[in-house]
Each structure stands twice: as structure tokens, then as C-alpha cells.
């Protein structure tokens, strides 16, 4: 988990990756965007925080815990 900070917030592209960016962002959790949002809706993936009307983030600690539990 080299790209996962100990604390802080992550945007969706930092979690599921973005191969269109230069340089590409590798995924921490390799799923598509629609799969991610369905997983959030059903409780499979961690719940986000809304920082503003167009800013959604996840706690790095929640993502780390999910990965360590073998959530995938």
C-alpha cells in the first residue's frame, strides 16, 4: 500500500485508479466506478464524507482497514 497515506482523505480516483491521468494513478481497489458506488450503497465499501457539493472523500484509515480485512 505504497500510495495509501496513514491518515487523511482520498478522492475516488485515488482509490479505484485513473489510467487516463499522466502519470496514471494505480488502483488500490481495482473496481469500476459503478461497482464502487453500488458497493458504497449496499455497505460493502466504506461510506464517504461530503466536504462540499462537488467534493466527496473517504478517510484513508477506512480504506486501509477495508484492504487489510481482505475486503476484496
C-alpha atoms as a PDB file:
ATOM      1  CA  UNK A   1       0.000   0.000   0.000  1.00  0.00           C
ATOM      2  CA  UNK A   2       2.712   2.397  -1.027  1.00  0.00           C
ATOM      3  CA  UNK A   3       0.241   5.017  -2.315  1.00  0.00           C
ATOM      4  CA  UNK A   4      -2.012   4.946   0.740  1.00  0.00           C
ATOM      5  CA  UNK A   5      -1.257   7.572   3.405  1.00  0.00           C
ATOM      6  CA  UNK A   6      -1.639   6.716   7.099  1.00  0.00           C
ATOM      7  CA  UNK A   7      -4.249   9.439   7.637  1.00  0.00           C
ATOM      8  CA  UNK A   8      -6.077  11.993   5.571  1.00  0.00           C
ATOM      9  CA  UNK A   9      -8.622  11.877   2.798  1.00  0.00           C
ATOM     10  CA  UNK A  10      -8.708  10.116  -0.563  1.00  0.00           C
ATOM     11  CA  UNK A  11     -10.686  11.015  -3.653  1.00  0.00           C
ATOM     12  CA  UNK A  12     -12.326   8.272  -5.707  1.00  0.00           C
ATOM     13  CA  UNK A  13      -9.660   8.258  -8.442  1.00  0.00           C
ATOM     14  CA  UNK A  14      -7.010   7.600  -5.774  1.00  0.00           C
ATOM     15  CA  UNK A  15      -8.939   4.524  -4.630  1.00  0.00           C
ATOM     16  CA  UNK A  16     -10.069   2.937  -7.906  1.00  0.00           C
ATOM     17  CA  UNK A  17      -7.247   4.378 -10.044  1.00  0.00           C
ATOM     18  CA  UNK A  18      -7.259   6.506 -13.178  1.00  0.00           C
ATOM     19  CA  UNK A  19      -5.349   5.247 -16.202  1.00  0.00           C
ATOM     20  CA  UNK A  20      -6.209   8.374 -18.237  1.00  0.00           C
ATOM     21  CA  UNK A  21      -4.138  10.676 -15.996  1.00  0.00           C
ATOM     22  CA  UNK A  22      -0.491  11.389 -16.728  1.00  0.00           C
ATOM     23  CA  UNK A  23       1.107   9.709 -14.968  1.00  0.00           C
ATOM     24  CA  UNK A  24      -1.607   7.077 -14.447  1.00  0.00           C
ATOM     25  CA  UNK A  25      -2.877   6.519 -10.901  1.00  0.00           C
ATOM     26  CA  UNK A  26      -2.745   2.808  -9.991  1.00  0.00           C
ATOM     27  CA  UNK A  27      -5.812   1.422  -8.188  1.00  0.00           C
ATOM     28  CA  UNK A  28      -5.792   0.484  -4.512  1.00  0.00           C
ATOM     29  CA  UNK A  29      -9.074  -1.345  -5.044  1.00  0.00           C
ATOM     30  CA  UNK A  30      -9.428  -2.469  -8.695  1.00  0.00           C
ATOM     31  CA  UNK A  31     -13.121  -1.975  -9.443  1.00  0.00           C
ATOM     32  CA  UNK A  32     -15.037   0.212 -11.868  1.00  0.00           C
ATOM     33  CA  UNK A  33     -16.741   3.407 -10.751  1.00  0.00           C
ATOM     34  CA  UNK A  34     -20.270   1.987 -10.980  1.00  0.00           C
ATOM     35  CA  UNK A  35     -19.230  -1.091  -8.951  1.00  0.00           C
ATOM     36  CA  UNK A  36     -17.684   1.159  -6.317  1.00  0.00           C
ATOM     37  CA  UNK A  37     -20.818   3.286  -5.909  1.00  0.00           C
ATOM     38  CA  UNK A  38     -23.055   0.202  -5.779  1.00  0.00           C
ATOM     39  CA  UNK A  39     -20.757  -1.199  -3.063  1.00  0.00           C
ATOM     40  CA  UNK A  40     -20.987   2.056  -1.102  1.00  0.00           C
ATOM     41  CA  UNK A  41     -24.780   1.980  -1.436  1.00  0.00           C
ATOM     42  CA  UNK A  42     -25.021  -1.611  -0.185  1.00  0.00           C
ATOM     43  CA  UNK A  43     -22.444  -1.194   2.599  1.00  0.00           C
ATOM     44  CA  UNK A  44     -19.746  -3.375   1.005  1.00  0.00           C
ATOM     45  CA  UNK A  45     -17.337  -0.419   0.707  1.00  0.00           C
ATOM     46  CA  UNK A  46     -16.658   2.362   3.259  1.00  0.00           C
ATOM     47  CA  UNK A  47     -19.016   5.320   3.409  1.00  0.00           C
ATOM     48  CA  UNK A  48     -17.756   8.651   2.054  1.00  0.00           C
ATOM     49  CA  UNK A  49     -17.738  12.107   3.566  1.00  0.00           C
ATOM     50  CA  UNK A  50     -19.086  15.121   1.705  1.00  0.00           C
ATOM     51  CA  UNK A  51     -16.787  18.134   2.063  1.00  0.00           C
ATOM     52  CA  UNK A  52     -18.820  20.235  -0.326  1.00  0.00           C
ATOM     53  CA  UNK A  53     -21.416  19.963  -3.088  1.00  0.00           C
ATOM     54  CA  UNK A  54     -18.870  18.511  -5.538  1.00  0.00           C
ATOM     55  CA  UNK A  55     -16.286  17.082  -3.166  1.00  0.00           C
ATOM     56  CA  UNK A  56     -16.601  13.538  -1.878  1.00  0.00           C
ATOM     57  CA  UNK A  57     -13.763  11.862   0.040  1.00  0.00           C
ATOM     58  CA  UNK A  58     -13.026   8.743   2.037  1.00  0.00           C
ATOM     59  CA  UNK A  59     -10.891   8.514   5.166  1.00  0.00           C
ATOM     60  CA  UNK A  60      -7.558   6.837   4.390  1.00  0.00           C
ATOM     61  CA  UNK A  61      -7.935   4.890   7.639  1.00  0.00           C
ATOM     62  CA  UNK A  62     -11.265   3.408   6.461  1.00  0.00           C
ATOM     63  CA  UNK A  63      -9.787   2.357   3.111  1.00  0.00           C
ATOM     64  CA  UNK A  64      -6.699   0.869   4.811  1.00  0.00           C
ATOM     65  CA  UNK A  65      -8.894  -1.090   7.244  1.00  0.00           C
ATOM     66  CA  UNK A  66     -11.056  -2.363   4.359  1.00  0.00           C
ATOM     67  CA  UNK A  67      -7.994  -3.579   2.424  1.00  0.00           C
ATOM     68  CA  UNK A  68      -6.382  -5.165   5.497  1.00  0.00           C
ATOM     69  CA  UNK A  69      -9.600  -7.063   6.288  1.00  0.00           C
ATOM     70  CA  UNK A  70      -9.397  -8.579   2.810  1.00  0.00           C
ATOM     71  CA  UNK A  71     -12.450  -6.683   1.658  1.00  0.00           C
ATOM     72  CA  UNK A  72     -11.877  -7.654  -1.941  1.00  0.00           C
END
